[in-house]
Amino acid sequence: MAVRYLPRRDSIELVFASGGTMTILRRTIREFDTVPLDGLKGLAVSPTGDAVRCRSLDGEIAVSGLVALVLGSRRLSAAFARRGGQRKSKAKAAAARANGAKGGRPRNRSRQV
């Protein structure tokens, strides 16, 4: 992973190991409000690759937080859930076969009050 400041666009660009990139306007990242523009030239990725470091800041900004900022936490959660639901395992296949042998998924019964 890599990170850099794009002065012409006043943006931060994240470059992921997969080759994908994400550009985020600096003004949307409130931690960078107090950082002078010259200070953004020293952006770096943490050794673990999960955070962006800036010499002018006293801390790090999580990459997952930046991605959630751009995509929105609801959309990001839905994407992870969708990906998890697509996983195929021996246990899921066995459960589906057992459920099918019983006649399929039981019908939803609406409760009457």
Protein backbone atom coordinates (compact mmCIF):
# COMPACT_ATOMS: atom_id res chain seq x y z
CA MET A 1 0.00 0.00 0.00
CA ALA A 2 1.11 3.55 -0.66
CA VAL A 3 -0.20 7.03 0.05
CA ARG A 4 0.61 10.44 -1.42
CA TYR A 5 -0.64 14.00 -1.44
CA LEU A 6 -1.77 15.41 -4.81
CA PRO A 7 -1.34 19.20 -4.50
CA ARG A 8 -3.06 20.08 -7.79
CA ARG A 9 -6.22 18.31 -6.69
CA ASP A 10 -5.71 18.99 -2.96
CA SER A 11 -6.37 15.29 -2.42
CA ILE A 12 -4.92 12.26 -0.73
CA GLU A 13 -4.45 9.20 -2.92
CA LEU A 14 -4.40 5.69 -1.48
CA VAL A 15 -2.86 3.00 -3.68
CA PHE A 16 -3.77 -0.52 -2.58
CA ALA A 17 -1.73 -3.69 -3.04
CA SER A 18 -4.34 -4.94 -5.52
CA GLY A 19 -3.53 -1.98 -7.78
CA GLY A 20 -6.74 -0.11 -7.01
CA THR A 21 -6.65 3.53 -5.98
CA MET A 22 -8.88 5.83 -4.00
CA THR A 23 -8.66 9.61 -4.06
CA ILE A 24 -10.05 11.57 -1.13
CA LEU A 25 -10.40 15.34 -1.01
CA ARG A 26 -8.26 16.71 1.82
CA ARG A 27 -11.07 18.91 3.14
CA THR A 28 -13.21 15.82 3.89
CA ILE A 29 -10.57 14.49 6.30
CA ARG A 30 -10.97 16.69 9.35
CA GLU A 31 -7.67 15.48 10.90
CA PHE A 32 -5.89 17.30 8.07
CA ASP A 33 -7.62 20.63 8.75
CA THR A 34 -4.79 21.86 10.94
CA VAL A 35 -1.95 20.37 8.89
CA PRO A 36 -0.16 22.87 6.63
CA LEU A 37 -0.02 21.89 2.96
CA ASP A 38 3.75 21.42 3.17
CA GLY A 39 3.19 18.93 5.99
CA LEU A 40 1.13 16.70 3.73
CA LYS A 41 4.13 15.95 1.56
CA GLY A 42 5.46 13.67 4.29
CA LEU A 43 2.58 11.18 4.26
CA ALA A 44 3.54 7.54 4.78
CA VAL A 45 1.87 4.21 5.43
CA SER A 46 2.34 2.58 8.83
CA PRO A 47 4.54 -0.54 8.93
CA THR A 48 1.45 -2.73 9.30
CA GLY A 49 -0.20 -1.02 6.31
CA ASP A 50 -3.42 -0.22 8.14
CA ALA A 51 -2.91 3.49 8.81
CA VAL A 52 -1.67 6.71 7.24
CA ARG A 53 1.02 8.62 9.10
CA CYS A 54 1.71 12.32 8.82
CA ARG A 55 4.74 13.90 10.45
CA SER A 56 2.74 17.04 11.28
CA LEU A 57 0.08 15.03 13.14
CA ASP A 58 0.57 13.42 16.50
CA GLY A 59 -1.06 10.17 15.41
CA GLU A 60 -2.26 7.99 12.59
CA ILE A 61 -5.46 7.79 10.55
CA ALA A 62 -6.88 4.32 9.97
CA VAL A 63 -7.18 3.31 6.32
CA SER A 64 -10.47 1.56 7.09
CA GLY A 65 -11.80 4.86 8.45
CA LEU A 66 -10.79 6.67 5.27
CA VAL A 67 -12.47 4.04 3.10
CA ALA A 68 -15.62 4.22 5.25
CA LEU A 69 -15.52 8.02 4.93
CA VAL A 70 -15.65 7.74 1.14
CA LEU A 71 -18.03 4.81 0.75
CA GLY A 72 -20.15 5.34 3.84
CA SER A 73 -20.22 2.85 6.69
CA ARG A 74 -23.60 1.41 5.70
CA ARG A 75 -22.49 0.66 2.13
CA LEU A 76 -19.18 -0.75 3.37
CA SER A 77 -20.93 -3.03 5.88
CA ALA A 78 -23.32 -4.24 3.18
CA ALA A 79 -20.39 -5.06 0.89
CA PHE A 80 -18.68 -7.12 3.59
CA ALA A 81 -21.91 -8.92 4.45
CA ARG A 82 -22.57 -9.69 0.79
CA ARG A 83 -19.07 -11.07 0.41
CA GLY A 84 -19.45 -13.20 3.54
CA GLY A 85 -22.77 -14.58 2.33
CA GLN A 86 -21.17 -15.70 -0.92
CA ARG A 87 -18.63 -17.85 0.87
CA LYS A 88 -19.01 -21.54 0.21
CA SER A 89 -18.06 -24.04 2.83
CA LYS A 90 -18.62 -27.74 3.42
CA ALA A 91 -20.77 -26.88 6.43
CA LYS A 92 -23.06 -24.59 4.39
CA ALA A 93 -23.40 -27.21 1.64
CA ALA A 94 -24.25 -29.93 4.18
CA ALA A 95 -26.81 -27.69 5.87
CA ALA A 96 -28.44 -26.88 2.52
CA ARG A 97 -28.64 -30.58 1.60
CA ALA A 98 -30.14 -31.47 5.00
CA ASN A 99 -32.66 -28.62 4.70
CA GLY A 100 -33.58 -29.75 1.17
CA ALA A 101 -34.12 -33.31 2.35
CA LYS A 102 -36.70 -32.01 4.82
CA GLY A 103 -38.63 -30.27 2.07
CA GLY A 104 -36.75 -26.99 1.87
CA ARG A 105 -36.82 -23.87 3.93
CA PRO A 106 -39.83 -23.65 6.27
CA ARG A 107 -42.42 -21.04 5.41
CA ASN A 108 -42.51 -17.85 7.37
CA ARG A 109 -45.56 -17.88 9.57
CA SER A 110 -46.87 -14.46 10.39
CA ARG A 111 -47.74 -14.10 14.02
CA GLN A 112 -51.25 -13.14 14.85
CA VAL A 113 -51.73 -11.01 17.91
